[in-house]
Amino acid sequence: MDGDLEQLGERIAEQAAHLDAAMHRFLADLREFDQRGGWHTQGAETCAHWLSWRVGWDLVTGRERVRVARKLGEFRVIDDALRRGEVSYSKVRALVRVATPENEVLLLDHARLMTASQLEKLCRKYALVQRHGQDPHPLGDAQRRYVRRRDTEDGMVKIEAVLHPEEAELVWTMRVGSAVTPVWSRSPKMHTVHRFRSAASVARSRVRSSVRCSSAIRHVRIRDVHTGSSWKGIISSTGPTEVRPA
């Protein structure tokens, strides 16, 4: 590599470390300003609102900076690493989400060997482990699970859901079965048969997973509400799905 170009790269890295050290000073001042209620004295609703007014940041950025500033005061080792420019603000932001006084040294060691993107992914997975290891709050599960529907401008419907893994698997199986309907299958008979088989794939998975099931075969009936026709079907955990008129 050209010597001048290499020096330029080193200078960029050094300047980035200075920016991180300056961010540490900013966060320390912001934490003190927040604790002493400076934003309230100047008539702001929250410290994030004050940052939006005084610094020009959007509320999301302001809230994130305040959150990190507050948490950073609890972790001396991580705080000192940012002060010396050893880790970036992006890494610190991820670390303080999952850090505890017991694990901050270990997390910091990992942070030094990872990119910020890799560390974000690690901390997200670790946060999930922490959450599952805690005693569940009575309302915690209900607050995390939801289904939202929104009509789009082009007449379509957007559905967003956050579910347990086993619930998501059931919904996904039904979605995949519906998505593979052939475009050329326009006859009511073929459409009904295909919808039965899509539903059967879900039922078959339940037959296989049920330890109380005394038989691997289920006889079911499906009625097409659009055409009024009825169909009988056999769902087997091992063999093919059979469909015939009732």
C-alpha atoms as a PDB file:
ATOM      1  CA  MET A   1       0.000   0.000   0.000  1.00  0.00           C
ATOM      2  CA  ASP A   2       1.189   3.532  -0.735  1.00  0.00           C
ATOM      3  CA  GLY A   3       2.783   5.130   2.342  1.00  0.00           C
ATOM      4  CA  ASP A   4       0.733   8.329   2.128  1.00  0.00           C
ATOM      5  CA  LEU A   5      -2.476   6.364   1.724  1.00  0.00           C
ATOM      6  CA  GLU A   6      -1.667   4.211   4.741  1.00  0.00           C
ATOM      7  CA  GLN A   7      -0.983   7.314   6.830  1.00  0.00           C
ATOM      8  CA  LEU A   8      -4.325   8.738   5.707  1.00  0.00           C
ATOM      9  CA  GLY A   9      -6.086   5.600   6.904  1.00  0.00           C
ATOM     10  CA  GLU A  10      -4.335   5.750  10.263  1.00  0.00           C
ATOM     11  CA  ARG A  11      -5.294   9.398  10.622  1.00  0.00           C
ATOM     12  CA  ILE A  12      -8.953   8.560   9.932  1.00  0.00           C
ATOM     13  CA  ALA A  13      -8.883   5.844  12.600  1.00  0.00           C
ATOM     14  CA  GLU A  14      -7.264   8.225  15.078  1.00  0.00           C
ATOM     15  CA  GLN A  15      -9.829  10.927  14.395  1.00  0.00           C
ATOM     16  CA  ALA A  16     -12.620   8.392  14.894  1.00  0.00           C
ATOM     17  CA  ALA A  17     -11.151   7.544  18.310  1.00  0.00           C
ATOM     18  CA  HIS A  18     -11.134  11.263  19.167  1.00  0.00           C
ATOM     19  CA  LEU A  19     -14.800  11.471  18.149  1.00  0.00           C
ATOM     20  CA  ASP A  20     -15.624   8.575  20.469  1.00  0.00           C
ATOM     21  CA  ALA A  21     -13.753  10.257  23.316  1.00  0.00           C
ATOM     22  CA  ALA A  22     -15.654  13.480  22.611  1.00  0.00           C
ATOM     23  CA  MET A  23     -18.898  11.463  22.648  1.00  0.00           C
ATOM     24  CA  HIS A  24     -17.948  10.228  26.120  1.00  0.00           C
ATOM     25  CA  ARG A  25     -17.608  13.813  27.353  1.00  0.00           C
ATOM     26  CA  PHE A  26     -20.935  14.674  25.749  1.00  0.00           C
ATOM     27  CA  LEU A  27     -22.707  11.730  27.386  1.00  0.00           C
ATOM     28  CA  ALA A  28     -21.202  12.543  30.781  1.00  0.00           C
ATOM     29  CA  ASP A  29     -22.429  16.149  30.524  1.00  0.00           C
ATOM     30  CA  LEU A  30     -25.826  14.990  29.250  1.00  0.00           C
ATOM     31  CA  ARG A  31     -26.205  12.575  32.168  1.00  0.00           C
ATOM     32  CA  GLU A  32     -25.488  15.341  34.694  1.00  0.00           C
ATOM     33  CA  PHE A  33     -27.793  17.767  32.863  1.00  0.00           C
ATOM     34  CA  ASP A  34     -30.572  15.164  32.907  1.00  0.00           C
ATOM     35  CA  GLN A  35     -30.072  14.263  36.568  1.00  0.00           C
ATOM     36  CA  ARG A  36     -30.130  17.904  37.639  1.00  0.00           C
ATOM     37  CA  GLY A  37     -33.266  18.617  35.622  1.00  0.00           C
ATOM     38  CA  GLY A  38     -31.787  21.263  33.362  1.00  0.00           C
ATOM     39  CA  TRP A  39     -34.264  20.415  30.624  1.00  0.00           C
ATOM     40  CA  HIS A  40     -37.181  20.937  33.038  1.00  0.00           C
ATOM     41  CA  THR A  41     -35.828  24.318  34.144  1.00  0.00           C
ATOM     42  CA  GLN A  42     -35.868  25.461  30.528  1.00  0.00           C
ATOM     43  CA  GLY A  43     -39.464  24.336  30.034  1.00  0.00           C
ATOM     44  CA  ALA A  44     -38.985  21.138  28.032  1.00  0.00           C
ATOM     45  CA  GLU A  45     -41.243  18.109  28.449  1.00  0.00           C
ATOM     46  CA  THR A  46     -38.321  15.650  28.614  1.00  0.00           C
ATOM     47  CA  CYS A  47     -34.581  15.717  28.118  1.00  0.00           C
ATOM     48  CA  ALA A  48     -35.099  14.254  24.645  1.00  0.00           C
ATOM     49  CA  HIS A  49     -37.452  17.115  23.783  1.00  0.00           C
ATOM     50  CA  TRP A  50     -34.837  19.577  25.008  1.00  0.00           C
ATOM     51  CA  LEU A  51     -32.225  17.965  22.744  1.00  0.00           C
ATOM     52  CA  SER A  52     -34.654  18.198  19.840  1.00  0.00           C
ATOM     53  CA  TRP A  53     -35.107  21.921  20.491  1.00  0.00           C
ATOM     54  CA  ARG A  54     -31.567  22.886  21.461  1.00  0.00           C
ATOM     55  CA  VAL A  55     -29.435  20.533  19.349  1.00  0.00           C
ATOM     56  CA  GLY A  56     -31.787  19.794  16.453  1.00  0.00           C
ATOM     57  CA  TRP A  57     -32.011  16.008  16.842  1.00  0.00           C
ATOM     58  CA  ASP A  58     -35.183  14.039  16.268  1.00  0.00           C
ATOM     59  CA  LEU A  59     -36.867  12.568  19.340  1.00  0.00           C
ATOM     60  CA  VAL A  60     -35.771   8.995  18.602  1.00  0.00           C
ATOM     61  CA  THR A  61     -32.103  10.036  18.508  1.00  0.00           C
ATOM     62  CA  GLY A  62     -32.522  12.178  21.600  1.00  0.00           C
ATOM     63  CA  ARG A  63     -34.134   9.389  23.624  1.00  0.00           C
ATOM     64  CA  GLU A  64     -31.395   6.969  22.553  1.00  0.00           C
ATOM     65  CA  ARG A  65     -28.634   9.346  23.660  1.00  0.00           C
ATOM     66  CA  VAL A  66     -30.317   9.914  27.020  1.00  0.00           C
ATOM     67  CA  ARG A  67     -30.777   6.175  27.543  1.00  0.00           C
ATOM     68  CA  VAL A  68     -27.131   5.434  26.803  1.00  0.00           C
ATOM     69  CA  ALA A  69     -25.937   8.326  28.973  1.00  0.00           C
ATOM     70  CA  ARG A  70     -27.945   7.071  31.946  1.00  0.00           C
ATOM     71  CA  LYS A  71     -26.856   3.442  31.575  1.00  0.00           C
ATOM     72  CA  LEU A  72     -23.218   4.313  30.977  1.00  0.00           C
ATOM     73  CA  GLY A  73     -22.977   5.785  34.454  1.00  0.00           C
ATOM     74  CA  GLU A  74     -23.646   2.321  35.877  1.00  0.00           C
ATOM     75  CA  PHE A  75     -20.719   0.587  34.147  1.00  0.00           C
ATOM     76  CA  ARG A  76     -17.320   1.966  35.030  1.00  0.00           C
ATOM     77  CA  VAL A  77     -15.295  -0.353  32.771  1.00  0.00           C
ATOM     78  CA  ILE A  78     -17.328   0.334  29.625  1.00  0.00           C
ATOM     79  CA  ASP A  79     -17.422   4.041  30.443  1.00  0.00           C
ATOM     80  CA  ASP A  80     -13.631   4.156  30.737  1.00  0.00           C
ATOM     81  CA  ALA A  81     -13.177   2.298  27.435  1.00  0.00           C
ATOM     82  CA  LEU A  82     -15.292   4.875  25.626  1.00  0.00           C
ATOM     83  CA  ARG A  83     -13.443   7.705  27.361  1.00  0.00           C
ATOM     84  CA  ARG A  84     -10.154   6.403  25.955  1.00  0.00           C
ATOM     85  CA  GLY A  85     -11.623   5.820  22.503  1.00  0.00           C
ATOM     86  CA  GLU A  86     -11.064   2.058  22.672  1.00  0.00           C
ATOM     87  CA  VAL A  87     -14.622   1.253  21.585  1.00  0.00           C
ATOM     88  CA  SER A  88     -17.055   3.214  19.469  1.00  0.00           C
ATOM     89  CA  TYR A  89     -20.313   4.747  20.574  1.00  0.00           C
ATOM     90  CA  SER A  90     -22.158   2.226  18.380  1.00  0.00           C
ATOM     91  CA  LYS A  91     -20.614  -0.621  20.373  1.00  0.00           C
ATOM     92  CA  VAL A  92     -21.331   1.049  23.705  1.00  0.00           C
ATOM     93  CA  ARG A  93     -24.961   1.565  22.712  1.00  0.00           C
ATOM     94  CA  ALA A  94     -25.299  -2.183  22.157  1.00  0.00           C
ATOM     95  CA  LEU A  95     -23.350  -3.151  25.287  1.00  0.00           C
ATOM     96  CA  VAL A  96     -25.388  -1.137  27.782  1.00  0.00           C
ATOM     97  CA  ARG A  97     -28.577  -2.897  26.678  1.00  0.00           C
ATOM     98  CA  VAL A  98     -27.435  -6.184  28.202  1.00  0.00           C
ATOM     99  CA  ALA A  99     -24.518  -5.302  30.474  1.00  0.00           C
ATOM    100  CA  THR A 100     -24.502  -6.025  34.198  1.00  0.00           C
ATOM    101  CA  PRO A 101     -21.770  -5.319  36.752  1.00  0.00           C
ATOM    102  CA  GLU A 102     -20.913  -9.013  36.577  1.00  0.00           C
ATOM    103  CA  ASN A 103     -20.561  -9.384  32.808  1.00  0.00           C
ATOM    104  CA  GLU A 104     -19.395  -5.969  31.553  1.00  0.00           C
ATOM    105  CA  VAL A 105     -15.711  -6.994  31.413  1.00  0.00           C
ATOM    106  CA  LEU A 106     -16.517 -10.123  29.409  1.00  0.00           C
ATOM    107  CA  LEU A 107     -18.796  -8.224  27.031  1.00  0.00           C
ATOM    108  CA  LEU A 108     -16.152  -5.563  26.527  1.00  0.00           C
ATOM    109  CA  ASP A 109     -13.586  -8.218  25.603  1.00  0.00           C
ATOM    110  CA  HIS A 110     -15.961  -9.499  22.915  1.00  0.00           C
ATOM    111  CA  ALA A 111     -16.654  -5.946  21.728  1.00  0.00           C
ATOM    112  CA  ARG A 112     -12.974  -5.348  21.022  1.00  0.00           C
ATOM    113  CA  LEU A 113     -12.898  -8.351  18.656  1.00  0.00           C
ATOM    114  CA  MET A 114     -16.138  -7.622  16.769  1.00  0.00           C
ATOM    115  CA  THR A 115     -17.565  -5.075  14.428  1.00  0.00           C
ATOM    116  CA  ALA A 116     -20.452  -2.952  15.705  1.00  0.00           C
ATOM    117  CA  SER A 117     -22.873  -4.920  13.518  1.00  0.00           C
ATOM    118  CA  GLN A 118     -21.678  -8.260  14.882  1.00  0.00           C
ATOM    119  CA  LEU A 119     -21.903  -6.961  18.438  1.00  0.00           C
ATOM    120  CA  GLU A 120     -25.454  -5.707  17.877  1.00  0.00           C
ATOM    121  CA  LYS A 121     -26.492  -9.172  16.758  1.00  0.00           C
ATOM    122  CA  LEU A 122     -24.769 -10.811  19.738  1.00  0.00           C
ATOM    123  CA  CYS A 123     -26.394  -8.439  22.223  1.00  0.00           C
ATOM    124  CA  ARG A 124     -29.854  -8.959  20.721  1.00  0.00           C
ATOM    125  CA  LYS A 125     -29.527 -12.717  21.116  1.00  0.00           C
ATOM    126  CA  TYR A 126     -28.136 -12.330  24.618  1.00  0.00           C
ATOM    127  CA  ALA A 127     -31.026 -10.041  25.579  1.00  0.00           C
ATOM    128  CA  LEU A 128     -33.424 -12.751  24.415  1.00  0.00           C
ATOM    129  CA  VAL A 129     -31.677 -15.278  26.657  1.00  0.00           C
ATOM    130  CA  GLN A 130     -31.838 -12.862  29.584  1.00  0.00           C
ATOM    131  CA  ARG A 131     -35.546 -12.303  29.055  1.00  0.00           C
ATOM    132  CA  HIS A 132     -36.318 -16.025  28.966  1.00  0.00           C
ATOM    133  CA  GLY A 133     -34.263 -16.539  32.112  1.00  0.00           C
ATOM    134  CA  GLN A 134     -36.344 -14.101  34.111  1.00  0.00           C
ATOM    135  CA  ASP A 135     -39.618 -14.861  35.844  1.00  0.00           C
ATOM    136  CA  PRO A 136     -42.319 -13.925  33.316  1.00  0.00           C
ATOM    137  CA  HIS A 137     -44.475 -10.969  34.205  1.00  0.00           C
ATOM    138  CA  PRO A 138     -48.210 -11.797  34.123  1.00  0.00           C
ATOM    139  CA  LEU A 139     -48.803  -9.176  31.422  1.00  0.00           C
ATOM    140  CA  GLY A 140     -45.443  -9.429  29.705  1.00  0.00           C
ATOM    141  CA  ASP A 141     -46.515 -12.107  27.245  1.00  0.00           C
ATOM    142  CA  ALA A 142     -49.699 -10.308  26.269  1.00  0.00           C
ATOM    143  CA  GLN A 143     -47.826  -7.070  25.735  1.00  0.00           C
ATOM    144  CA  ARG A 144     -45.221  -8.652  23.439  1.00  0.00           C
ATOM    145  CA  ARG A 145     -47.642 -10.620  21.251  1.00  0.00           C
ATOM    146  CA  TYR A 146     -49.790  -8.705  18.805  1.00  0.00           C
ATOM    147  CA  VAL A 147     -51.359  -8.729  15.357  1.00  0.00           C
ATOM    148  CA  ARG A 148     -51.820  -5.509  13.381  1.00  0.00           C
ATOM    149  CA  ARG A 149     -53.718  -4.879  10.165  1.00  0.00           C
ATOM    150  CA  ARG A 150     -53.286  -1.874   7.909  1.00  0.00           C
ATOM    151  CA  ASP A 151     -54.935  -1.095   4.561  1.00  0.00           C
ATOM    152  CA  THR A 152     -52.387   0.114   2.030  1.00  0.00           C
ATOM    153  CA  GLU A 153     -52.913   2.833  -0.560  1.00  0.00           C
ATOM    154  CA  ASP A 154     -53.043   0.356  -3.446  1.00  0.00           C
ATOM    155  CA  GLY A 155     -55.951  -1.561  -1.912  1.00  0.00           C
ATOM    156  CA  MET A 156     -53.894  -4.361  -0.388  1.00  0.00           C
ATOM    157  CA  VAL A 157     -53.799  -5.281   3.293  1.00  0.00           C
ATOM    158  CA  LYS A 158     -50.625  -5.411   5.356  1.00  0.00           C
ATOM    159  CA  ILE A 159     -50.664  -7.752   8.363  1.00  0.00           C
ATOM    160  CA  GLU A 160     -47.900  -7.686  10.979  1.00  0.00           C
ATOM    161  CA  ALA A 161     -47.727 -10.212  13.804  1.00  0.00           C
ATOM    162  CA  VAL A 162     -45.426 -10.997  16.719  1.00  0.00           C
ATOM    163  CA  LEU A 163     -46.067 -14.533  17.962  1.00  0.00           C
ATOM    164  CA  HIS A 164     -44.524 -17.405  19.842  1.00  0.00           C
ATOM    165  CA  PRO A 165     -42.368 -19.678  17.636  1.00  0.00           C
ATOM    166  CA  GLU A 166     -44.917 -22.496  17.590  1.00  0.00           C
ATOM    167  CA  GLU A 167     -47.715 -20.065  16.704  1.00  0.00           C
ATOM    168  CA  ALA A 168     -45.610 -18.505  13.968  1.00  0.00           C
ATOM    169  CA  GLU A 169     -44.867 -21.949  12.523  1.00  0.00           C
ATOM    170  CA  LEU A 170     -48.582 -22.716  12.264  1.00  0.00           C
ATOM    171  CA  VAL A 171     -49.351 -19.382  10.589  1.00  0.00           C
ATOM    172  CA  TRP A 172     -46.388 -19.740   8.247  1.00  0.00           C
ATOM    173  CA  THR A 173     -47.450 -23.232   7.206  1.00  0.00           C
ATOM    174  CA  MET A 174     -50.932 -21.954   6.348  1.00  0.00           C
ATOM    175  CA  ARG A 175     -49.457 -18.989   4.463  1.00  0.00           C
ATOM    176  CA  VAL A 176     -47.154 -21.172   2.392  1.00  0.00           C
ATOM    177  CA  GLY A 177     -49.997 -23.518   1.553  1.00  0.00           C
ATOM    178  CA  SER A 178     -52.110 -20.608   0.394  1.00  0.00           C
ATOM    179  CA  ALA A 179     -49.304 -18.968  -1.555  1.00  0.00           C
ATOM    180  CA  VAL A 180     -48.703 -21.963  -3.824  1.00  0.00           C
ATOM    181  CA  THR A 181     -52.221 -21.972  -5.301  1.00  0.00           C
ATOM    182  CA  PRO A 182     -51.747 -22.271  -9.092  1.00  0.00           C
ATOM    183  CA  VAL A 183     -52.926 -19.249 -11.057  1.00  0.00           C
ATOM    184  CA  TRP A 184     -54.490 -21.574 -13.643  1.00  0.00           C
ATOM    185  CA  SER A 185     -56.584 -23.376 -11.011  1.00  0.00           C
ATOM    186  CA  ARG A 186     -59.768 -21.381 -11.523  1.00  0.00           C
ATOM    187  CA  SER A 187     -62.425 -24.076 -11.226  1.00  0.00           C
ATOM    188  CA  PRO A 188     -64.367 -24.085  -7.901  1.00  0.00           C
ATOM    189  CA  LYS A 189     -63.644 -27.802  -7.554  1.00  0.00           C
ATOM    190  CA  MET A 190     -59.875 -27.499  -7.880  1.00  0.00           C
ATOM    191  CA  HIS A 191     -59.817 -24.419  -5.667  1.00  0.00           C
ATOM    192  CA  THR A 192     -61.708 -26.244  -2.917  1.00  0.00           C
ATOM    193  CA  VAL A 193     -59.448 -29.297  -3.176  1.00  0.00           C
ATOM    194  CA  HIS A 194     -56.343 -27.160  -2.956  1.00  0.00           C
ATOM    195  CA  ARG A 195     -57.618 -25.251   0.080  1.00  0.00           C
ATOM    196  CA  PHE A 196     -58.416 -28.546   1.747  1.00  0.00           C
ATOM    197  CA  ARG A 197     -54.902 -29.811   1.109  1.00  0.00           C
ATOM    198  CA  SER A 198     -53.411 -26.594   2.432  1.00  0.00           C
ATOM    199  CA  ALA A 199     -55.373 -26.969   5.642  1.00  0.00           C
ATOM    200  CA  ALA A 200     -54.499 -30.644   5.726  1.00  0.00           C
ATOM    201  CA  SER A 201     -50.779 -29.896   5.806  1.00  0.00           C
ATOM    202  CA  VAL A 202     -51.346 -28.027   9.052  1.00  0.00           C
ATOM    203  CA  ALA A 203     -53.531 -30.753  10.508  1.00  0.00           C
ATOM    204  CA  ARG A 204     -51.018 -33.422   9.505  1.00  0.00           C
ATOM    205  CA  SER A 205     -48.292 -31.693  11.476  1.00  0.00           C
ATOM    206  CA  ARG A 206     -50.556 -31.738  14.509  1.00  0.00           C
ATOM    207  CA  VAL A 207     -51.304 -35.431  14.027  1.00  0.00           C
ATOM    208  CA  ARG A 208     -47.570 -36.149  14.003  1.00  0.00           C
ATOM    209  CA  SER A 209     -46.820 -34.037  17.045  1.00  0.00           C
ATOM    210  CA  SER A 210     -49.722 -35.219  19.214  1.00  0.00           C
ATOM    211  CA  VAL A 211     -48.538 -37.839  21.688  1.00  0.00           C
ATOM    212  CA  ARG A 212     -52.121 -38.596  22.705  1.00  0.00           C
ATOM    213  CA  CYS A 213     -53.229 -39.475  19.190  1.00  0.00           C
ATOM    214  CA  SER A 214     -54.424 -43.084  19.042  1.00  0.00           C
ATOM    215  CA  SER A 215     -54.512 -43.233  15.239  1.00  0.00           C
ATOM    216  CA  ALA A 216     -52.350 -41.686  12.550  1.00  0.00           C
ATOM    217  CA  ILE A 217     -55.403 -41.184  10.263  1.00  0.00           C
ATOM    218  CA  ARG A 218     -58.122 -38.531  10.588  1.00  0.00           C
ATOM    219  CA  HIS A 219     -61.379 -38.371   8.590  1.00  0.00           C
ATOM    220  CA  VAL A 220     -62.536 -34.812   8.171  1.00  0.00           C
ATOM    221  CA  ARG A 221     -65.162 -32.887   6.195  1.00  0.00           C
ATOM    222  CA  ILE A 222     -64.778 -29.475   4.635  1.00  0.00           C
ATOM    223  CA  ARG A 223     -67.524 -27.288   3.206  1.00  0.00           C
ATOM    224  CA  ASP A 224     -66.792 -24.570   0.662  1.00  0.00           C
ATOM    225  CA  VAL A 225     -68.728 -21.517   1.843  1.00  0.00           C
ATOM    226  CA  HIS A 226     -68.439 -19.958  -1.618  1.00  0.00           C
ATOM    227  CA  THR A 227     -69.936 -22.818  -3.676  1.00  0.00           C
ATOM    228  CA  GLY A 228     -71.857 -24.748  -0.990  1.00  0.00           C
ATOM    229  CA  SER A 229     -70.188 -28.016  -1.994  1.00  0.00           C
ATOM    230  CA  SER A 230     -68.954 -30.495   0.620  1.00  0.00           C
ATOM    231  CA  TRP A 231     -65.864 -32.648   0.466  1.00  0.00           C
ATOM    232  CA  LYS A 232     -64.577 -35.532   2.516  1.00  0.00           C
ATOM    233  CA  GLY A 233     -60.916 -35.917   3.228  1.00  0.00           C
ATOM    234  CA  ILE A 234     -58.481 -38.277   4.866  1.00  0.00           C
ATOM    235  CA  ILE A 235     -55.438 -36.815   6.619  1.00  0.00           C
ATOM    236  CA  SER A 236     -52.646 -39.274   7.266  1.00  0.00           C
ATOM    237  CA  SER A 237     -49.457 -38.577   9.186  1.00  0.00           C
ATOM    238  CA  THR A 238     -47.567 -40.851   6.812  1.00  0.00           C
ATOM    239  CA  GLY A 239     -49.521 -41.191   3.561  1.00  0.00           C
ATOM    240  CA  PRO A 240     -50.996 -38.763   1.025  1.00  0.00           C
ATOM    241  CA  THR A 241     -54.056 -36.583   1.586  1.00  0.00           C
ATOM    242  CA  GLU A 242     -57.209 -37.890  -0.092  1.00  0.00           C
ATOM    243  CA  VAL A 243     -60.078 -35.616  -1.168  1.00  0.00           C
ATOM    244  CA  ARG A 244     -63.431 -36.660  -2.691  1.00  0.00           C
ATOM    245  CA  PRO A 245     -66.992 -35.267  -2.925  1.00  0.00           C
ATOM    246  CA  ALA A 246     -69.149 -35.835   0.137  1.00  0.00           C
END
